[in-house]
Amino acid sequence: MKDAKVIYQNVWVVFDRDDFEDFDQAVKAGMDKGYKVAWSNESFEYWIYLHFHYSDSALHRDEWNKKLDEIFNKYHLGTGKYEKNYEDIYQLVNMYDGVATAIRHAKRRMALFDAEIGKPSRYNPGTTVYQLVEELRKYLDE
C-alpha cells in the first residue's frame, strides 16, 4: 500500500478464522489501519453455504465442505463437488439469485453481532463478506 503509485479509496482484507488464534487481533489490526475487513468464522465456506441455505450452526470447516459437496452435487454445479478455486464461483453460486440470498442470510445472522463489544472469534458462525459483496455489486450493475 505505501509503495503504490495510486491512492486507494477502499482497501479490503478478506480472511477466515480456520484455527488461527490471532483472528481477533487480525480483524482489529486491519480496521485500525483503516482497511475494510471481510471475515468469516470459522471458514469462508460458511459464506458460500449461505447462498443456498440459512444456518446458525457452529460447524467445523470440514463439515461446511461436506454440506457444499452435497449442494454442488444436487444442483450440478461445477464438477458436482465443491472446490475452493472455481474461477466462475460467482456465477455458480448466483444461480437462483444466490448472492442476494447469501446477503440476506448473512445480514440475518450478523444482526445480533455487536462489533464494538463482541469478538469475531466468538461469533461462530459469522461472516461480514456480504459487506464486500454489496460494495462490489455496485460496480457489476454499472
N, C-alpha and C. Protein backbone atom coordinates (compact mmCIF):
# COMPACT_ATOMS: atom_id res chain seq x y z
N MET A 1 0.82 -1.20 0.00
CA MET A 1 0.00 0.00 0.00
C MET A 1 0.86 1.26 0.00
N LYS A 2 1.83 1.28 0.88
CA LYS A 2 2.61 2.52 1.00
C LYS A 2 3.47 2.78 -0.24
N ASP A 3 3.77 1.75 -1.01
CA ASP A 3 4.58 1.92 -2.22
C ASP A 3 3.73 2.05 -3.48
N ALA A 4 2.41 2.02 -3.35
CA ALA A 4 1.53 2.10 -4.50
C ALA A 4 1.62 3.46 -5.17
N LYS A 5 1.50 3.47 -6.47
CA LYS A 5 1.57 4.71 -7.24
C LYS A 5 0.20 5.38 -7.35
N VAL A 6 -0.82 4.71 -6.88
CA VAL A 6 -2.17 5.28 -6.87
C VAL A 6 -2.68 5.32 -5.44
N ILE A 7 -3.64 6.17 -5.21
CA ILE A 7 -4.25 6.26 -3.88
C ILE A 7 -5.54 5.44 -3.92
N TYR A 8 -5.62 4.48 -3.04
CA TYR A 8 -6.80 3.62 -2.99
C TYR A 8 -7.82 4.20 -2.02
N GLN A 9 -9.07 4.24 -2.47
CA GLN A 9 -10.13 4.73 -1.60
C GLN A 9 -10.66 3.65 -0.68
N ASN A 10 -10.67 2.42 -1.19
CA ASN A 10 -11.19 1.30 -0.42
C ASN A 10 -10.20 0.15 -0.47
N VAL A 11 -9.73 -0.23 0.68
CA VAL A 11 -8.85 -1.39 0.76
C VAL A 11 -9.55 -2.42 1.65
N TRP A 12 -9.72 -3.60 1.10
CA TRP A 12 -10.38 -4.69 1.82
C TRP A 12 -9.36 -5.78 2.11
N VAL A 13 -9.45 -6.33 3.28
CA VAL A 13 -8.73 -7.56 3.59
C VAL A 13 -9.79 -8.62 3.87
N VAL A 14 -9.59 -9.79 3.33
CA VAL A 14 -10.57 -10.86 3.41
C VAL A 14 -9.87 -12.10 3.94
N PHE A 15 -10.42 -12.65 5.02
CA PHE A 15 -9.82 -13.86 5.56
C PHE A 15 -10.83 -14.58 6.45
N ASP A 16 -10.50 -15.83 6.73
CA ASP A 16 -11.34 -16.60 7.65
C ASP A 16 -10.52 -17.03 8.85
N ARG A 17 -11.20 -17.58 9.80
CA ARG A 17 -10.54 -17.91 11.06
C ARG A 17 -9.73 -19.19 10.99
N ASP A 18 -10.31 -20.23 10.43
CA ASP A 18 -9.70 -21.55 10.50
C ASP A 18 -9.32 -21.83 11.95
N ASP A 19 -8.06 -22.12 12.20
CA ASP A 19 -7.63 -22.42 13.58
C ASP A 19 -6.71 -21.34 14.13
N PHE A 20 -6.66 -20.19 13.49
CA PHE A 20 -5.74 -19.15 13.92
C PHE A 20 -6.20 -18.51 15.22
N GLU A 21 -5.30 -18.43 16.17
CA GLU A 21 -5.61 -17.85 17.47
C GLU A 21 -5.58 -16.33 17.46
N ASP A 22 -4.94 -15.73 16.45
CA ASP A 22 -4.84 -14.27 16.40
C ASP A 22 -5.91 -13.65 15.49
N PHE A 23 -7.01 -14.35 15.31
CA PHE A 23 -8.08 -13.90 14.43
C PHE A 23 -8.62 -12.53 14.85
N ASP A 24 -8.96 -12.38 16.14
CA ASP A 24 -9.50 -11.10 16.61
C ASP A 24 -8.49 -9.97 16.44
N GLN A 25 -7.23 -10.28 16.70
CA GLN A 25 -6.19 -9.26 16.55
C GLN A 25 -6.04 -8.86 15.09
N ALA A 26 -6.19 -9.83 14.17
CA ALA A 26 -6.07 -9.52 12.75
C ALA A 26 -7.23 -8.63 12.30
N VAL A 27 -8.43 -8.91 12.76
CA VAL A 27 -9.58 -8.07 12.43
C VAL A 27 -9.34 -6.65 12.93
N LYS A 28 -8.93 -6.54 14.19
CA LYS A 28 -8.70 -5.23 14.79
C LYS A 28 -7.57 -4.48 14.08
N ALA A 29 -6.47 -5.17 13.79
CA ALA A 29 -5.34 -4.52 13.13
C ALA A 29 -5.73 -3.97 11.76
N GLY A 30 -6.50 -4.74 11.01
CA GLY A 30 -6.96 -4.26 9.71
C GLY A 30 -7.82 -3.02 9.84
N MET A 31 -8.73 -3.05 10.78
CA MET A 31 -9.62 -1.90 10.98
C MET A 31 -8.84 -0.69 11.49
N ASP A 32 -7.89 -0.92 12.39
CA ASP A 32 -7.08 0.19 12.91
C ASP A 32 -6.28 0.87 11.81
N LYS A 33 -5.93 0.13 10.76
CA LYS A 33 -5.18 0.71 9.64
C LYS A 33 -6.10 1.39 8.63
N GLY A 34 -7.39 1.34 8.90
CA GLY A 34 -8.34 1.97 8.01
C GLY A 34 -8.83 1.07 6.89
N TYR A 35 -8.48 -0.20 6.93
CA TYR A 35 -8.94 -1.14 5.93
C TYR A 35 -10.36 -1.59 6.27
N LYS A 36 -11.05 -2.03 5.28
CA LYS A 36 -12.33 -2.67 5.50
C LYS A 36 -12.04 -4.17 5.60
N VAL A 37 -12.65 -4.81 6.56
CA VAL A 37 -12.34 -6.21 6.84
C VAL A 37 -13.57 -7.07 6.59
N ALA A 38 -13.41 -8.07 5.75
CA ALA A 38 -14.45 -9.06 5.49
C ALA A 38 -13.95 -10.38 6.06
N TRP A 39 -14.55 -10.79 7.17
CA TRP A 39 -14.08 -12.02 7.83
C TRP A 39 -15.19 -13.06 7.86
N SER A 40 -14.76 -14.30 8.00
CA SER A 40 -15.68 -15.41 8.20
C SER A 40 -15.16 -16.27 9.33
N ASN A 41 -16.06 -16.67 10.19
CA ASN A 41 -15.73 -17.56 11.29
C ASN A 41 -16.67 -18.76 11.19
N GLU A 42 -16.32 -19.88 10.94
CA GLU A 42 -14.98 -20.41 11.04
C GLU A 42 -14.28 -20.43 9.69
N SER A 43 -15.06 -20.53 8.65
CA SER A 43 -14.42 -20.63 7.34
C SER A 43 -15.21 -19.87 6.28
N PHE A 44 -14.54 -19.58 5.20
CA PHE A 44 -15.16 -18.89 4.07
C PHE A 44 -16.30 -19.72 3.50
N GLU A 45 -16.23 -21.03 3.66
CA GLU A 45 -17.26 -21.91 3.14
C GLU A 45 -18.64 -21.62 3.76
N TYR A 46 -18.64 -21.08 4.97
CA TYR A 46 -19.91 -20.67 5.56
C TYR A 46 -20.60 -19.64 4.68
N TRP A 47 -19.84 -18.65 4.19
CA TRP A 47 -20.39 -17.63 3.30
C TRP A 47 -20.95 -18.29 2.04
N ILE A 48 -20.24 -19.24 1.47
CA ILE A 48 -20.72 -19.92 0.27
C ILE A 48 -22.02 -20.67 0.58
N TYR A 49 -22.07 -21.34 1.71
CA TYR A 49 -23.26 -22.09 2.11
C TYR A 49 -24.49 -21.19 2.18
N LEU A 50 -24.31 -19.98 2.65
CA LEU A 50 -25.43 -19.04 2.80
C LEU A 50 -26.10 -18.69 1.46
N HIS A 51 -25.45 -18.99 0.36
CA HIS A 51 -26.07 -18.76 -0.95
C HIS A 51 -27.23 -19.72 -1.20
N PHE A 52 -27.28 -20.77 -0.42
CA PHE A 52 -28.29 -21.82 -0.63
C PHE A 52 -29.22 -22.01 0.56
N HIS A 53 -28.69 -21.87 1.77
CA HIS A 53 -29.47 -22.12 2.98
C HIS A 53 -29.00 -21.19 4.10
N TYR A 54 -29.89 -20.92 5.04
CA TYR A 54 -29.50 -20.20 6.25
C TYR A 54 -29.04 -21.22 7.29
N SER A 55 -28.07 -20.84 8.08
CA SER A 55 -27.65 -21.67 9.20
C SER A 55 -27.00 -20.79 10.26
N ASP A 56 -27.26 -21.15 11.51
CA ASP A 56 -26.56 -20.51 12.62
C ASP A 56 -25.83 -21.58 13.44
N SER A 57 -25.54 -22.70 12.80
CA SER A 57 -24.84 -23.81 13.46
C SER A 57 -23.33 -23.60 13.38
N ALA A 58 -22.67 -23.75 14.50
CA ALA A 58 -21.22 -23.64 14.55
C ALA A 58 -20.62 -24.98 14.12
N LEU A 59 -20.20 -25.04 12.87
CA LEU A 59 -19.64 -26.27 12.33
C LEU A 59 -18.16 -26.09 11.99
N HIS A 60 -17.44 -27.18 12.04
CA HIS A 60 -16.04 -27.17 11.60
C HIS A 60 -16.01 -26.98 10.09
N ARG A 61 -14.95 -26.40 9.57
CA ARG A 61 -14.86 -26.14 8.13
C ARG A 61 -15.01 -27.40 7.29
N ASP A 62 -14.58 -28.55 7.81
CA ASP A 62 -14.75 -29.80 7.07
C ASP A 62 -16.24 -30.12 6.89
N GLU A 63 -17.05 -29.79 7.88
CA GLU A 63 -18.49 -30.03 7.78
C GLU A 63 -19.14 -29.09 6.76
N TRP A 64 -18.69 -27.83 6.72
CA TRP A 64 -19.20 -26.91 5.71
C TRP A 64 -18.84 -27.44 4.32
N ASN A 65 -17.62 -27.95 4.16
CA ASN A 65 -17.21 -28.50 2.87
C ASN A 65 -18.09 -29.67 2.46
N LYS A 66 -18.43 -30.55 3.41
CA LYS A 66 -19.31 -31.69 3.11
C LYS A 66 -20.69 -31.21 2.66
N LYS A 67 -21.21 -30.21 3.36
CA LYS A 67 -22.51 -29.67 3.00
C LYS A 67 -22.48 -29.06 1.59
N LEU A 68 -21.39 -28.37 1.29
CA LEU A 68 -21.27 -27.77 -0.04
C LEU A 68 -21.11 -28.84 -1.11
N ASP A 69 -20.41 -29.92 -0.81
CA ASP A 69 -20.31 -31.03 -1.76
C ASP A 69 -21.70 -31.55 -2.11
N GLU A 70 -22.55 -31.70 -1.11
CA GLU A 70 -23.92 -32.18 -1.33
C GLU A 70 -24.71 -31.20 -2.21
N ILE A 71 -24.57 -29.91 -1.93
CA ILE A 71 -25.29 -28.89 -2.71
C ILE A 71 -24.79 -28.86 -4.14
N PHE A 72 -23.47 -28.86 -4.34
CA PHE A 72 -22.91 -28.79 -5.68
C PHE A 72 -23.30 -30.03 -6.48
N ASN A 73 -23.39 -31.16 -5.82
CA ASN A 73 -23.82 -32.39 -6.48
C ASN A 73 -25.31 -32.30 -6.83
N LYS A 74 -26.12 -31.89 -5.89
CA LYS A 74 -27.57 -31.81 -6.09
C LYS A 74 -27.95 -30.88 -7.24
N TYR A 75 -27.29 -29.72 -7.31
CA TYR A 75 -27.63 -28.73 -8.32
C TYR A 75 -26.72 -28.79 -9.56
N HIS A 76 -25.87 -29.80 -9.62
CA HIS A 76 -24.97 -30.00 -10.77
C HIS A 76 -24.13 -28.75 -11.04
N LEU A 77 -23.56 -28.21 -9.98
CA LEU A 77 -22.71 -27.03 -10.09
C LEU A 77 -21.26 -27.45 -10.29
N GLY A 78 -20.56 -26.77 -11.17
CA GLY A 78 -19.16 -27.08 -11.41
C GLY A 78 -18.99 -28.54 -11.77
N THR A 79 -18.10 -29.20 -11.07
CA THR A 79 -17.85 -30.63 -11.30
C THR A 79 -18.78 -31.51 -10.47
N GLY A 80 -19.72 -30.87 -9.77
CA GLY A 80 -20.61 -31.62 -8.89
C GLY A 80 -20.03 -31.78 -7.50
N LYS A 81 -18.91 -31.12 -7.28
CA LYS A 81 -18.24 -31.17 -5.98
C LYS A 81 -17.71 -29.77 -5.70
N TYR A 82 -17.79 -29.34 -4.45
CA TYR A 82 -17.27 -28.01 -4.10
C TYR A 82 -15.76 -28.02 -4.18
N GLU A 83 -15.22 -27.02 -4.83
CA GLU A 83 -13.77 -26.82 -4.91
C GLU A 83 -13.48 -25.37 -4.59
N LYS A 84 -12.39 -25.15 -3.88
CA LYS A 84 -12.06 -23.80 -3.41
C LYS A 84 -11.77 -22.81 -4.54
N ASN A 85 -11.25 -23.26 -5.63
CA ASN A 85 -10.72 -22.32 -6.62
C ASN A 85 -11.47 -22.31 -7.94
N TYR A 86 -12.78 -22.42 -7.90
CA TYR A 86 -13.55 -22.26 -9.13
C TYR A 86 -13.37 -20.84 -9.63
N GLU A 87 -12.96 -20.70 -10.88
CA GLU A 87 -12.81 -19.35 -11.44
C GLU A 87 -14.16 -18.66 -11.62
N ASP A 88 -15.21 -19.45 -11.81
CA ASP A 88 -16.54 -18.90 -12.04
C ASP A 88 -17.45 -19.07 -10.82
N ILE A 89 -16.87 -19.03 -9.63
CA ILE A 89 -17.64 -19.29 -8.41
C ILE A 89 -18.81 -18.32 -8.27
N TYR A 90 -18.62 -17.06 -8.64
CA TYR A 90 -19.71 -16.10 -8.51
C TYR A 90 -20.92 -16.54 -9.35
N GLN A 91 -20.68 -16.94 -10.59
CA GLN A 91 -21.77 -17.38 -11.45
C GLN A 91 -22.40 -18.66 -10.91
N LEU A 92 -21.58 -19.57 -10.40
CA LEU A 92 -22.12 -20.83 -9.88
C LEU A 92 -23.05 -20.61 -8.70
N VAL A 93 -22.61 -19.81 -7.74
CA VAL A 93 -23.43 -19.61 -6.54
C VAL A 93 -24.55 -18.60 -6.75
N ASN A 94 -24.49 -17.86 -7.85
CA ASN A 94 -25.54 -16.87 -8.09
C ASN A 94 -26.71 -17.44 -8.89
N MET A 95 -26.63 -18.70 -9.24
CA MET A 95 -27.80 -19.33 -9.87
C MET A 95 -28.94 -19.24 -8.86
N TYR A 96 -30.12 -19.02 -9.35
CA TYR A 96 -31.30 -18.90 -8.48
C TYR A 96 -31.18 -17.71 -7.53
N ASP A 97 -30.47 -16.65 -7.97
CA ASP A 97 -30.30 -15.42 -7.18
C ASP A 97 -29.60 -15.67 -5.85
N GLY A 98 -28.61 -16.55 -5.87
CA GLY A 98 -27.91 -16.96 -4.65
C GLY A 98 -27.16 -15.86 -3.93
N VAL A 99 -26.62 -14.88 -4.66
CA VAL A 99 -25.86 -13.83 -3.99
C VAL A 99 -26.79 -12.98 -3.13
N ALA A 100 -27.94 -12.62 -3.66
CA ALA A 100 -28.91 -11.86 -2.86
C ALA A 100 -29.37 -12.67 -1.66
N THR A 101 -29.54 -13.96 -1.85
CA THR A 101 -29.93 -14.85 -0.75
C THR A 101 -28.84 -14.87 0.31
N ALA A 102 -27.59 -15.00 -0.10
CA ALA A 102 -26.48 -15.04 0.86
C ALA A 102 -26.38 -13.74 1.64
N ILE A 103 -26.55 -12.62 0.96
CA ILE A 103 -26.50 -11.32 1.65
C ILE A 103 -27.61 -11.25 2.69
N ARG A 104 -28.79 -11.64 2.31
CA ARG A 104 -29.93 -11.63 3.24
C ARG A 104 -29.67 -12.56 4.44
N HIS A 105 -29.18 -13.75 4.17
CA HIS A 105 -28.88 -14.70 5.25
C HIS A 105 -27.77 -14.18 6.16
N ALA A 106 -26.72 -13.61 5.58
CA ALA A 106 -25.62 -13.09 6.38
C ALA A 106 -26.07 -11.93 7.25
N LYS A 107 -26.87 -11.04 6.70
CA LYS A 107 -27.38 -9.91 7.49
C LYS A 107 -28.24 -10.41 8.65
N ARG A 108 -29.04 -11.42 8.38
CA ARG A 108 -29.86 -12.00 9.45
C ARG A 108 -28.97 -12.56 10.56
N ARG A 109 -27.94 -13.29 10.17
CA ARG A 109 -27.05 -13.89 11.17
C ARG A 109 -26.27 -12.82 11.93
N MET A 110 -25.82 -11.80 11.24
CA MET A 110 -24.96 -10.80 11.85
C MET A 110 -25.73 -9.71 12.58
N ALA A 111 -27.04 -9.72 12.50
CA ALA A 111 -27.86 -8.67 13.13
C ALA A 111 -27.62 -8.56 14.63
N LEU A 112 -27.28 -9.64 15.28
CA LEU A 112 -27.07 -9.61 16.73
C LEU A 112 -25.61 -9.38 17.13
N PHE A 113 -24.72 -9.35 16.14
CA PHE A 113 -23.31 -9.16 16.44
C PHE A 113 -23.01 -7.69 16.65
N ASP A 114 -22.40 -7.37 17.77
CA ASP A 114 -22.00 -6.01 18.09
C ASP A 114 -20.49 -5.92 18.00
N ALA A 115 -20.00 -5.33 16.92
CA ALA A 115 -18.56 -5.26 16.68
C ALA A 115 -17.82 -4.45 17.74
N GLU A 116 -18.53 -3.57 18.42
CA GLU A 116 -17.89 -2.74 19.45
C GLU A 116 -17.52 -3.55 20.69
N ILE A 117 -18.33 -4.54 21.03
CA ILE A 117 -18.07 -5.30 22.25
C ILE A 117 -17.83 -6.78 22.00
N GLY A 118 -18.23 -7.27 20.83
CA GLY A 118 -18.10 -8.69 20.55
C GLY A 118 -16.79 -9.02 19.85
N LYS A 119 -16.35 -10.23 20.05
CA LYS A 119 -15.16 -10.71 19.36
C LYS A 119 -15.60 -11.61 18.21
N PRO A 120 -15.09 -11.33 17.01
CA PRO A 120 -15.46 -12.18 15.87
C PRO A 120 -15.20 -13.67 16.12
N SER A 121 -14.15 -13.98 16.87
CA SER A 121 -13.82 -15.38 17.13
C SER A 121 -14.89 -16.09 17.94
N ARG A 122 -15.69 -15.33 18.66
CA ARG A 122 -16.74 -15.92 19.49
C ARG A 122 -18.09 -15.94 18.79
N TYR A 123 -18.16 -15.37 17.60
CA TYR A 123 -19.41 -15.35 16.85
C TYR A 123 -19.30 -16.38 15.73
N ASN A 124 -19.68 -17.59 16.07
CA ASN A 124 -19.50 -18.71 15.16
C ASN A 124 -20.83 -19.44 14.99
N PRO A 125 -21.34 -19.47 13.76
CA PRO A 125 -20.73 -18.94 12.55
C PRO A 125 -21.04 -17.46 12.39
N GLY A 126 -20.23 -16.83 11.61
CA GLY A 126 -20.44 -15.43 11.31
C GLY A 126 -19.64 -15.05 10.08
N THR A 127 -20.10 -14.01 9.40
CA THR A 127 -19.37 -13.54 8.23
C THR A 127 -19.76 -12.09 7.92
N THR A 128 -18.78 -11.32 7.54
CA THR A 128 -19.04 -9.96 7.07
C THR A 128 -18.68 -9.83 5.59
N VAL A 129 -18.49 -10.94 4.92
CA VAL A 129 -18.15 -10.93 3.49
C VAL A 129 -19.27 -10.26 2.69
N TYR A 130 -20.48 -10.34 3.18
CA TYR A 130 -21.60 -9.70 2.46
C TYR A 130 -21.36 -8.21 2.26
N GLN A 131 -20.66 -7.56 3.17
CA GLN A 131 -20.40 -6.12 3.05
C GLN A 131 -19.52 -5.84 1.82
N LEU A 132 -18.51 -6.67 1.63
CA LEU A 132 -17.65 -6.54 0.45
C LEU A 132 -18.45 -6.82 -0.82
N VAL A 133 -19.24 -7.86 -0.81
CA VAL A 133 -20.01 -8.23 -1.99
C VAL A 133 -21.02 -7.15 -2.34
N GLU A 134 -21.65 -6.56 -1.35
CA GLU A 134 -22.56 -5.44 -1.63
C GLU A 134 -21.82 -4.30 -2.32
N GLU A 135 -20.62 -4.02 -1.86
CA GLU A 135 -19.82 -2.95 -2.47
C GLU A 135 -19.45 -3.31 -3.91
N LEU A 136 -19.02 -4.53 -4.12
CA LEU A 136 -18.61 -4.95 -5.47
C LEU A 136 -19.79 -5.00 -6.44
N ARG A 137 -20.95 -5.37 -5.95
CA ARG A 137 -22.12 -5.47 -6.83
C ARG A 137 -22.50 -4.12 -7.42
N LYS A 138 -22.16 -3.05 -6.75
CA LYS A 138 -22.43 -1.72 -7.30
C LYS A 138 -21.73 -1.56 -8.65
N TYR A 139 -20.52 -2.12 -8.75
CA TYR A 139 -19.75 -2.00 -9.97
C TYR A 139 -20.22 -2.98 -11.04
N LEU A 140 -20.73 -4.13 -10.62
CA LEU A 140 -21.25 -5.11 -11.57
C LEU A 140 -22.51 -4.62 -12.23
N ASP A 141 -23.29 -3.83 -11.51
CA ASP A 141 -24.56 -3.34 -12.03
C ASP A 141 -24.40 -2.17 -12.99
N GLU A 142 -23.19 -1.62 -13.06
CA GLU A 142 -22.96 -0.47 -13.95
C GLU A 142 -22.87 -0.89 -15.41
